[in-house]
Amino acid sequence: MAQIEEYQEPKAQTKKRRGPPPLVKYYLVLYNVLSTVGWAYILFITANIVFNLDGKHSTVPRAPGAATLQRKIENALPEVLVPVIRRASRAFAEVGAQTAFVQSFAALEVLHVLLGWVRSPLGTTLIQVGSRLYLVWGIADLFPKETHTNPLYASMVLSWSLTEVVRYSFYASSLLDAEPAPLVWLRYTLFYVLYPTGASSEAFLMYATLPHPALGAGWDSLHVYVRGFLFAVWWPGLYVMYTHMIKQRRKVLGGGRPAGPKVKRS
């Protein structure tokens, strides 16, 4: 659902803590650099399609197989936004395979935690990596008709890729004992926008695969109820992660209430 958050120690404790062995450190730096490059590529391709950065996608017909809901949305939108929605509906065709490939490598992060190479909580890592893999392989791959031309796939991938470029860059810099202030600020600020856009895109992409409640048919498999349950719990999950990151931001960047002497009231 969201980015993986490593435990942040106070600076005084961080200085005393030994880093990973040299070979492990070099491996983690390489892993984070390659992940940054992979997500940067996905970000560039997706943004280029959606926002017509190269000027080659100015006129885009509706994607073949576009859902009826998308057509209704297009009819309700201002005309200037219709090309953006249509370009977004073609994102999967351009970056679907690449996104699945790069995201699948995040499974290594569970191994990193198990081996003690990073300090992320195992449960949190499993949930966050598992939710992403489920969206890639359990939703987008299994339900092409509902997802491959859905503009929400583009907004989901844009949110993921921008988040991950910053996150992996931050981790690589931290391993090299260099954390540029702008990168730290981005790491603990972009979530204000990217968490809601990413999580809502994920949730409604799942919702698009559910049978229409009014029809009554199609609710005959366990996976349907699993998707319905996940759609329901996605929102409180977003709230938990969102408030957690707000607290983390206050710890790292400040902004919390200053500690001061308590005033005794009579």
C-alpha atoms as a PDB file:
ATOM      1  CA  MET A   1       0.000   0.000   0.000  1.00  0.00           C
ATOM      2  CA  ALA A   2       2.663   2.457   1.023  1.00  0.00           C
ATOM      3  CA  GLN A   3       6.366   2.812   1.144  1.00  0.00           C
ATOM      4  CA  ILE A   4       8.365   0.736   3.602  1.00  0.00           C
ATOM      5  CA  GLU A   5       9.428   2.736   6.603  1.00  0.00           C
ATOM      6  CA  GLU A   6      12.659   1.858   8.349  1.00  0.00           C
ATOM      7  CA  TYR A   7      13.072   2.557  12.030  1.00  0.00           C
ATOM      8  CA  GLN A   8      14.779   5.882  12.618  1.00  0.00           C
ATOM      9  CA  GLU A   9      17.043   6.047  15.656  1.00  0.00           C
ATOM     10  CA  PRO A  10      17.857   9.291  17.447  1.00  0.00           C
ATOM     11  CA  LYS A  11      21.073  10.805  16.135  1.00  0.00           C
ATOM     12  CA  ALA A  12      22.946  10.168  19.374  1.00  0.00           C
ATOM     13  CA  GLN A  13      22.198   6.449  19.132  1.00  0.00           C
ATOM     14  CA  THR A  14      22.857   6.299  15.404  1.00  0.00           C
ATOM     15  CA  LYS A  15      26.461   7.385  15.888  1.00  0.00           C
ATOM     16  CA  LYS A  16      27.103   4.472  18.259  1.00  0.00           C
ATOM     17  CA  ARG A  17      25.451   1.845  16.091  1.00  0.00           C
ATOM     18  CA  ARG A  18      27.705  -0.177  13.824  1.00  0.00           C
ATOM     19  CA  GLY A  19      26.728  -0.280  10.192  1.00  0.00           C
ATOM     20  CA  PRO A  20      26.349  -3.458   8.128  1.00  0.00           C
ATOM     21  CA  PRO A  21      29.461  -5.395   7.043  1.00  0.00           C
ATOM     22  CA  PRO A  22      31.189  -3.860   3.993  1.00  0.00           C
ATOM     23  CA  LEU A  23      29.975  -6.472   1.487  1.00  0.00           C
ATOM     24  CA  VAL A  24      26.394  -6.187   2.755  1.00  0.00           C
ATOM     25  CA  LYS A  25      26.625  -2.399   2.632  1.00  0.00           C
ATOM     26  CA  TYR A  26      27.856  -2.441  -0.982  1.00  0.00           C
ATOM     27  CA  TYR A  27      25.096  -4.870  -1.931  1.00  0.00           C
ATOM     28  CA  LEU A  28      22.410  -2.699  -0.304  1.00  0.00           C
ATOM     29  CA  VAL A  29      23.773   0.412  -2.015  1.00  0.00           C
ATOM     30  CA  LEU A  30      23.675  -1.405  -5.364  1.00  0.00           C
ATOM     31  CA  TYR A  31      20.159  -2.705  -4.684  1.00  0.00           C
ATOM     32  CA  ASN A  32      18.868   0.762  -3.826  1.00  0.00           C
ATOM     33  CA  VAL A  33      20.615   2.411  -6.777  1.00  0.00           C
ATOM     34  CA  LEU A  34      19.243  -0.152  -9.244  1.00  0.00           C
ATOM     35  CA  SER A  35      15.771   0.207  -7.714  1.00  0.00           C
ATOM     36  CA  THR A  36      16.030   3.980  -8.075  1.00  0.00           C
ATOM     37  CA  VAL A  37      16.986   3.627 -11.736  1.00  0.00           C
ATOM     38  CA  GLY A  38      14.180   1.143 -12.410  1.00  0.00           C
ATOM     39  CA  TRP A  39      11.499   3.300 -10.842  1.00  0.00           C
ATOM     40  CA  ALA A  40      12.900   6.453 -12.447  1.00  0.00           C
ATOM     41  CA  TYR A  41      12.527   4.787 -15.850  1.00  0.00           C
ATOM     42  CA  ILE A  42       8.919   3.828 -15.067  1.00  0.00           C
ATOM     43  CA  LEU A  43       8.214   7.345 -13.779  1.00  0.00           C
ATOM     44  CA  PHE A  44       9.594   8.959 -16.935  1.00  0.00           C
ATOM     45  CA  ILE A  45       7.701   6.681 -19.336  1.00  0.00           C
ATOM     46  CA  THR A  46       4.413   7.014 -17.449  1.00  0.00           C
ATOM     47  CA  ALA A  47       4.680  10.781 -17.025  1.00  0.00           C
ATOM     48  CA  ASN A  48       5.630  11.134 -20.687  1.00  0.00           C
ATOM     49  CA  ILE A  49       2.487   9.294 -21.751  1.00  0.00           C
ATOM     50  CA  VAL A  50       0.049  10.932 -19.353  1.00  0.00           C
ATOM     51  CA  PHE A  51       1.335  14.503 -19.641  1.00  0.00           C
ATOM     52  CA  ASN A  52       2.556  14.343 -23.260  1.00  0.00           C
ATOM     53  CA  LEU A  53       6.056  15.521 -22.329  1.00  0.00           C
ATOM     54  CA  ASP A  54       7.526  14.748 -25.742  1.00  0.00           C
ATOM     55  CA  GLY A  55       4.605  16.236 -27.682  1.00  0.00           C
ATOM     56  CA  LYS A  56       3.915  12.952 -29.490  1.00  0.00           C
ATOM     57  CA  HIS A  57       0.733  12.022 -27.625  1.00  0.00           C
ATOM     58  CA  SER A  58      -1.337  15.171 -28.089  1.00  0.00           C
ATOM     59  CA  THR A  59      -4.137  13.401 -29.956  1.00  0.00           C
ATOM     60  CA  VAL A  60      -5.088  10.089 -28.422  1.00  0.00           C
ATOM     61  CA  PRO A  61      -8.221   8.113 -29.308  1.00  0.00           C
ATOM     62  CA  ARG A  62     -10.037   6.227 -26.591  1.00  0.00           C
ATOM     63  CA  ALA A  63      -8.152   3.042 -25.719  1.00  0.00           C
ATOM     64  CA  PRO A  64      -9.644  -0.153 -27.186  1.00  0.00           C
ATOM     65  CA  GLY A  65     -11.812  -1.863 -24.611  1.00  0.00           C
ATOM     66  CA  ALA A  66     -12.205   1.234 -22.466  1.00  0.00           C
ATOM     67  CA  ALA A  67     -14.740   0.604 -19.736  1.00  0.00           C
ATOM     68  CA  THR A  68     -18.201   2.158 -19.825  1.00  0.00           C
ATOM     69  CA  LEU A  69     -17.410   3.914 -16.543  1.00  0.00           C
ATOM     70  CA  GLN A  70     -14.443   5.626 -18.177  1.00  0.00           C
ATOM     71  CA  ARG A  71     -16.672   6.901 -20.962  1.00  0.00           C
ATOM     72  CA  LYS A  72     -19.102   8.324 -18.421  1.00  0.00           C
ATOM     73  CA  ILE A  73     -16.227  10.010 -16.608  1.00  0.00           C
ATOM     74  CA  GLU A  74     -14.950  11.504 -19.859  1.00  0.00           C
ATOM     75  CA  ASN A  75     -18.395  12.909 -20.621  1.00  0.00           C
ATOM     76  CA  ALA A  76     -18.514  14.571 -17.193  1.00  0.00           C
ATOM     77  CA  LEU A  77     -15.018  16.086 -17.351  1.00  0.00           C
ATOM     78  CA  PRO A  78     -13.960  19.377 -18.921  1.00  0.00           C
ATOM     79  CA  GLU A  79     -12.861  18.799 -22.496  1.00  0.00           C
ATOM     80  CA  VAL A  80      -9.262  19.768 -21.704  1.00  0.00           C
ATOM     81  CA  LEU A  81      -8.913  16.804 -19.316  1.00  0.00           C
ATOM     82  CA  VAL A  82     -10.270  14.155 -21.669  1.00  0.00           C
ATOM     83  CA  PRO A  83      -6.955  13.668 -23.545  1.00  0.00           C
ATOM     84  CA  VAL A  84      -5.173  13.207 -20.204  1.00  0.00           C
ATOM     85  CA  ILE A  85      -7.609  10.470 -19.173  1.00  0.00           C
ATOM     86  CA  ARG A  86      -7.277   8.759 -22.542  1.00  0.00           C
ATOM     87  CA  ARG A  87      -3.487   8.883 -22.427  1.00  0.00           C
ATOM     88  CA  ALA A  88      -3.565   7.517 -18.880  1.00  0.00           C
ATOM     89  CA  SER A  89      -5.658   4.590 -20.086  1.00  0.00           C
ATOM     90  CA  ARG A  90      -2.687   3.495 -22.220  1.00  0.00           C
ATOM     91  CA  ALA A  91      -0.150   3.428 -19.394  1.00  0.00           C
ATOM     92  CA  PHE A  92      -0.351  -0.312 -18.795  1.00  0.00           C
ATOM     93  CA  ALA A  93       0.479  -1.064 -22.415  1.00  0.00           C
ATOM     94  CA  GLU A  94       3.690   0.946 -22.051  1.00  0.00           C
ATOM     95  CA  VAL A  95       4.887   0.161 -18.511  1.00  0.00           C
ATOM     96  CA  GLY A  96       2.812  -2.765 -17.217  1.00  0.00           C
ATOM     97  CA  ALA A  97       5.512  -5.393 -17.745  1.00  0.00           C
ATOM     98  CA  GLN A  98       8.292  -3.123 -16.484  1.00  0.00           C
ATOM     99  CA  THR A  99       6.322  -2.236 -13.355  1.00  0.00           C
ATOM    100  CA  ALA A 100       5.670  -5.895 -12.557  1.00  0.00           C
ATOM    101  CA  PHE A 101       9.362  -6.718 -13.092  1.00  0.00           C
ATOM    102  CA  VAL A 102      10.735  -3.922 -10.899  1.00  0.00           C
ATOM    103  CA  GLN A 103       8.102  -4.312  -8.187  1.00  0.00           C
ATOM    104  CA  SER A 104       8.710  -8.062  -7.939  1.00  0.00           C
ATOM    105  CA  PHE A 105      12.300  -7.404  -6.889  1.00  0.00           C
ATOM    106  CA  ALA A 106      10.948  -5.725  -3.748  1.00  0.00           C
ATOM    107  CA  ALA A 107      10.390  -9.253  -2.411  1.00  0.00           C
ATOM    108  CA  LEU A 108      14.111  -9.156  -1.622  1.00  0.00           C
ATOM    109  CA  GLU A 109      13.344  -6.573   1.050  1.00  0.00           C
ATOM    110  CA  VAL A 110      11.636  -9.260   3.127  1.00  0.00           C
ATOM    111  CA  LEU A 111      14.867 -11.269   2.923  1.00  0.00           C
ATOM    112  CA  HIS A 112      16.877  -8.207   3.929  1.00  0.00           C
ATOM    113  CA  VAL A 113      14.799  -7.907   7.105  1.00  0.00           C
ATOM    114  CA  LEU A 114      15.036 -11.631   7.904  1.00  0.00           C
ATOM    115  CA  LEU A 115      18.824 -11.496   7.568  1.00  0.00           C
ATOM    116  CA  GLY A 116      18.999  -8.435   9.807  1.00  0.00           C
ATOM    117  CA  TRP A 117      20.505  -6.237   7.105  1.00  0.00           C
ATOM    118  CA  VAL A 118      17.862  -3.508   7.529  1.00  0.00           C
ATOM    119  CA  ARG A 119      15.839  -2.472  10.565  1.00  0.00           C
ATOM    120  CA  SER A 120      12.333  -2.475   9.107  1.00  0.00           C
ATOM    121  CA  PRO A 121       9.686  -4.405  11.108  1.00  0.00           C
ATOM    122  CA  LEU A 122       9.069  -7.772   9.448  1.00  0.00           C
ATOM    123  CA  GLY A 123       5.267  -7.582   9.714  1.00  0.00           C
ATOM    124  CA  THR A 124       5.109  -4.128   8.154  1.00  0.00           C
ATOM    125  CA  THR A 125       7.467  -5.161   5.365  1.00  0.00           C
ATOM    126  CA  LEU A 126       5.427  -8.282   4.566  1.00  0.00           C
ATOM    127  CA  ILE A 127       2.184  -6.302   4.406  1.00  0.00           C
ATOM    128  CA  GLN A 128       3.577  -3.515   2.260  1.00  0.00           C
ATOM    129  CA  VAL A 129       5.514  -5.705  -0.166  1.00  0.00           C
ATOM    130  CA  GLY A 130       2.673  -8.231  -0.296  1.00  0.00           C
ATOM    131  CA  SER A 131       0.041  -5.589  -1.057  1.00  0.00           C
ATOM    132  CA  ARG A 132       2.072  -4.240  -3.962  1.00  0.00           C
ATOM    133  CA  LEU A 133       2.706  -7.721  -5.373  1.00  0.00           C
ATOM    134  CA  TYR A 134      -0.983  -8.535  -5.017  1.00  0.00           C
ATOM    135  CA  LEU A 135      -1.926  -5.451  -7.031  1.00  0.00           C
ATOM    136  CA  VAL A 136       0.597  -6.317  -9.743  1.00  0.00           C
ATOM    137  CA  TRP A 137      -0.095 -10.044 -10.030  1.00  0.00           C
ATOM    138  CA  GLY A 138      -3.430 -10.599  -8.278  1.00  0.00           C
ATOM    139  CA  ILE A 139      -5.290  -7.631  -9.757  1.00  0.00           C
ATOM    140  CA  ALA A 140      -3.662  -6.168 -12.878  1.00  0.00           C
ATOM    141  CA  ASP A 141      -2.460  -9.522 -14.228  1.00  0.00           C
ATOM    142  CA  LEU A 142      -5.628 -11.506 -13.501  1.00  0.00           C
ATOM    143  CA  PHE A 143      -8.169  -8.875 -14.570  1.00  0.00           C
ATOM    144  CA  PRO A 144      -6.888  -7.296 -17.793  1.00  0.00           C
ATOM    145  CA  LYS A 145     -10.312  -6.151 -18.989  1.00  0.00           C
ATOM    146  CA  GLU A 146     -10.942  -4.118 -15.840  1.00  0.00           C
ATOM    147  CA  THR A 147      -7.425  -2.776 -15.261  1.00  0.00           C
ATOM    148  CA  HIS A 148      -5.311  -2.571 -18.414  1.00  0.00           C
ATOM    149  CA  THR A 149      -7.139   0.443 -19.831  1.00  0.00           C
ATOM    150  CA  ASN A 150      -8.122   1.915 -16.477  1.00  0.00           C
ATOM    151  CA  PRO A 151      -6.657   5.420 -15.906  1.00  0.00           C
ATOM    152  CA  LEU A 152      -6.317   4.543 -12.222  1.00  0.00           C
ATOM    153  CA  TYR A 153      -3.466   2.229 -13.150  1.00  0.00           C
ATOM    154  CA  ALA A 154      -1.525   5.260 -14.382  1.00  0.00           C
ATOM    155  CA  SER A 155      -2.206   7.313 -11.244  1.00  0.00           C
ATOM    156  CA  MET A 156      -1.198   4.334  -9.110  1.00  0.00           C
ATOM    157  CA  VAL A 157       2.081   3.832 -10.964  1.00  0.00           C
ATOM    158  CA  LEU A 158       2.869   7.553 -10.945  1.00  0.00           C
ATOM    159  CA  SER A 159       2.391   7.603  -7.171  1.00  0.00           C
ATOM    160  CA  TRP A 160       4.452   4.442  -6.703  1.00  0.00           C
ATOM    161  CA  SER A 161       7.313   5.474  -8.943  1.00  0.00           C
ATOM    162  CA  LEU A 162       7.734   8.990  -7.565  1.00  0.00           C
ATOM    163  CA  THR A 163       7.606   7.616  -4.020  1.00  0.00           C
ATOM    164  CA  GLU A 164      10.150   4.916  -4.760  1.00  0.00           C
ATOM    165  CA  VAL A 165      12.626   7.145  -6.594  1.00  0.00           C
ATOM    166  CA  VAL A 166      12.821   9.329  -3.500  1.00  0.00           C
ATOM    167  CA  ARG A 167      12.771   6.416  -1.039  1.00  0.00           C
ATOM    168  CA  TYR A 168      15.509   4.344  -2.663  1.00  0.00           C
ATOM    169  CA  SER A 169      17.647   7.432  -3.277  1.00  0.00           C
ATOM    170  CA  PHE A 170      17.274   8.281   0.410  1.00  0.00           C
ATOM    171  CA  TYR A 171      18.301   4.779   1.510  1.00  0.00           C
ATOM    172  CA  ALA A 172      21.320   4.714  -0.811  1.00  0.00           C
ATOM    173  CA  SER A 173      22.428   8.110   0.474  1.00  0.00           C
ATOM    174  CA  SER A 174      21.966   7.009   4.088  1.00  0.00           C
ATOM    175  CA  LEU A 175      24.159   3.956   3.531  1.00  0.00           C
ATOM    176  CA  LEU A 176      26.853   6.262   2.168  1.00  0.00           C
ATOM    177  CA  ASP A 177      26.484   8.571   5.203  1.00  0.00           C
ATOM    178  CA  ALA A 178      25.195  11.390   3.022  1.00  0.00           C
ATOM    179  CA  GLU A 179      21.624  12.621   3.364  1.00  0.00           C
ATOM    180  CA  PRO A 180      21.060  15.805   1.330  1.00  0.00           C
ATOM    181  CA  ALA A 181      18.578  18.077   3.087  1.00  0.00           C
ATOM    182  CA  PRO A 182      16.289  18.422   0.019  1.00  0.00           C
ATOM    183  CA  LEU A 183      16.107  14.632  -0.296  1.00  0.00           C
ATOM    184  CA  VAL A 184      15.250  14.241   3.399  1.00  0.00           C
ATOM    185  CA  TRP A 185      12.545  16.888   3.039  1.00  0.00           C
ATOM    186  CA  LEU A 186      11.058  15.118   0.008  1.00  0.00           C
ATOM    187  CA  ARG A 187      11.238  11.767   1.790  1.00  0.00           C
ATOM    188  CA  TYR A 188       9.083  13.038   4.635  1.00  0.00           C
ATOM    189  CA  THR A 189       6.812  15.448   2.737  1.00  0.00           C
ATOM    190  CA  LEU A 190       5.683  13.926  -0.570  1.00  0.00           C
ATOM    191  CA  PHE A 191       3.584  11.351   1.270  1.00  0.00           C
ATOM    192  CA  TYR A 192       1.026  14.089   1.999  1.00  0.00           C
ATOM    193  CA  VAL A 193      -0.027  13.821  -1.659  1.00  0.00           C
ATOM    194  CA  LEU A 194       1.304  10.446  -2.787  1.00  0.00           C
ATOM    195  CA  TYR A 195      -0.249   8.328  -0.029  1.00  0.00           C
ATOM    196  CA  PRO A 196      -3.841   9.425  -0.803  1.00  0.00           C
ATOM    197  CA  THR A 197      -3.378   9.290  -4.594  1.00  0.00           C
ATOM    198  CA  GLY A 198      -1.596   5.941  -4.507  1.00  0.00           C
ATOM    199  CA  ALA A 199      -3.841   4.201  -1.976  1.00  0.00           C
ATOM    200  CA  SER A 200      -7.095   5.466  -3.500  1.00  0.00           C
ATOM    201  CA  SER A 201      -5.957   4.383  -6.974  1.00  0.00           C
ATOM    202  CA  GLU A 202      -5.082   0.937  -5.600  1.00  0.00           C
ATOM    203  CA  ALA A 203      -8.409   0.600  -3.804  1.00  0.00           C
ATOM    204  CA  PHE A 204     -10.595   1.672  -6.716  1.00  0.00           C
ATOM    205  CA  LEU A 205      -8.583  -0.453  -9.142  1.00  0.00           C
ATOM    206  CA  MET A 206      -9.515  -3.421  -6.942  1.00  0.00           C
ATOM    207  CA  TYR A 207     -13.095  -2.183  -6.788  1.00  0.00           C
ATOM    208  CA  ALA A 208     -13.235  -2.135 -10.593  1.00  0.00           C
ATOM    209  CA  THR A 209     -12.697  -5.918 -10.597  1.00  0.00           C
ATOM    210  CA  LEU A 210     -15.707  -6.605  -8.356  1.00  0.00           C
ATOM    211  CA  PRO A 211     -19.045  -7.731  -9.824  1.00  0.00           C
ATOM    212  CA  HIS A 212     -21.724  -5.054  -9.834  1.00  0.00           C
ATOM    213  CA  PRO A 213     -23.697  -5.381  -6.570  1.00  0.00           C
ATOM    214  CA  ALA A 214     -27.011  -4.719  -8.323  1.00  0.00           C
ATOM    215  CA  LEU A 215     -26.547  -7.665 -10.678  1.00  0.00           C
ATOM    216  CA  GLY A 216     -26.092 -10.161  -7.861  1.00  0.00           C
ATOM    217  CA  ALA A 217     -24.105 -12.515 -10.089  1.00  0.00           C
ATOM    218  CA  GLY A 218     -20.392 -13.146  -9.905  1.00  0.00           C
ATOM    219  CA  TRP A 219     -20.139 -13.320  -6.110  1.00  0.00           C
ATOM    220  CA  ASP A 220     -19.429 -17.024  -6.221  1.00  0.00           C
ATOM    221  CA  SER A 221     -15.706 -17.267  -5.526  1.00  0.00           C
ATOM    222  CA  LEU A 222     -13.508 -16.677  -2.499  1.00  0.00           C
ATOM    223  CA  HIS A 223     -11.306 -14.223  -4.393  1.00  0.00           C
ATOM    224  CA  VAL A 224     -14.253 -11.894  -4.959  1.00  0.00           C
ATOM    225  CA  TYR A 225     -14.843 -11.624  -1.218  1.00  0.00           C
ATOM    226  CA  VAL A 226     -11.116 -11.212  -0.592  1.00  0.00           C
ATOM    227  CA  ARG A 227     -11.048  -8.246  -2.976  1.00  0.00           C
ATOM    228  CA  GLY A 228     -14.158  -6.776  -1.378  1.00  0.00           C
ATOM    229  CA  PHE A 229     -12.642  -7.158   2.083  1.00  0.00           C
ATOM    230  CA  LEU A 230      -9.354  -5.580   0.991  1.00  0.00           C
ATOM    231  CA  PHE A 231     -11.198  -2.636  -0.550  1.00  0.00           C
ATOM    232  CA  ALA A 232     -12.914  -2.052   2.802  1.00  0.00           C
ATOM    233  CA  VAL A 233      -9.749  -2.284   4.931  1.00  0.00           C
ATOM    234  CA  TRP A 234      -7.640  -0.219   2.513  1.00  0.00           C
ATOM    235  CA  TRP A 235      -9.063   3.022   3.901  1.00  0.00           C
ATOM    236  CA  PRO A 236      -8.341   2.501   7.615  1.00  0.00           C
ATOM    237  CA  GLY A 237      -4.951   1.158   6.525  1.00  0.00           C
ATOM    238  CA  LEU A 238      -4.299   4.409   4.691  1.00  0.00           C
ATOM    239  CA  TYR A 239      -5.242   6.363   7.812  1.00  0.00           C
ATOM    240  CA  VAL A 240      -2.839   4.350   9.982  1.00  0.00           C
ATOM    241  CA  MET A 241       0.071   4.743   7.568  1.00  0.00           C
ATOM    242  CA  TYR A 242      -0.715   8.404   6.927  1.00  0.00           C
ATOM    243  CA  THR A 243      -0.757   9.347  10.601  1.00  0.00           C
ATOM    244  CA  HIS A 244       2.364   7.241  11.196  1.00  0.00           C
ATOM    245  CA  MET A 245       4.253   9.184   8.542  1.00  0.00           C
ATOM    246  CA  ILE A 246       3.081  12.487  10.008  1.00  0.00           C
ATOM    247  CA  LYS A 247       4.613  11.430  13.330  1.00  0.00           C
ATOM    248  CA  GLN A 248       7.807  10.314  11.582  1.00  0.00           C
ATOM    249  CA  ARG A 249       8.006  13.660   9.808  1.00  0.00           C
ATOM    250  CA  ARG A 250       7.773  15.510  13.106  1.00  0.00           C
ATOM    251  CA  LYS A 251      10.568  13.370  14.559  1.00  0.00           C
ATOM    252  CA  VAL A 252      12.887  13.912  11.597  1.00  0.00           C
ATOM    253  CA  LEU A 253      12.038  17.443  10.452  1.00  0.00           C
ATOM    254  CA  GLY A 254      10.530  18.877  13.603  1.00  0.00           C
ATOM    255  CA  GLY A 255       7.227  20.678  13.745  1.00  0.00           C
ATOM    256  CA  GLY A 256       5.899  18.983  16.827  1.00  0.00           C
ATOM    257  CA  ARG A 257       4.993  20.815  19.983  1.00  0.00           C
ATOM    258  CA  PRO A 258       8.112  22.066  21.742  1.00  0.00           C
ATOM    259  CA  ALA A 259       8.888  20.418  25.030  1.00  0.00           C
ATOM    260  CA  GLY A 260       8.681  22.847  27.910  1.00  0.00           C
ATOM    261  CA  PRO A 261       8.128  22.944  31.643  1.00  0.00           C
ATOM    262  CA  LYS A 262       4.681  21.961  32.782  1.00  0.00           C
ATOM    263  CA  VAL A 263       2.650  24.735  34.324  1.00  0.00           C
ATOM    264  CA  LYS A 264       1.008  23.756  37.550  1.00  0.00           C
ATOM    265  CA  ARG A 265      -2.571  24.903  37.726  1.00  0.00           C
ATOM    266  CA  SER A 266      -4.217  25.569  41.055  1.00  0.00           C
END
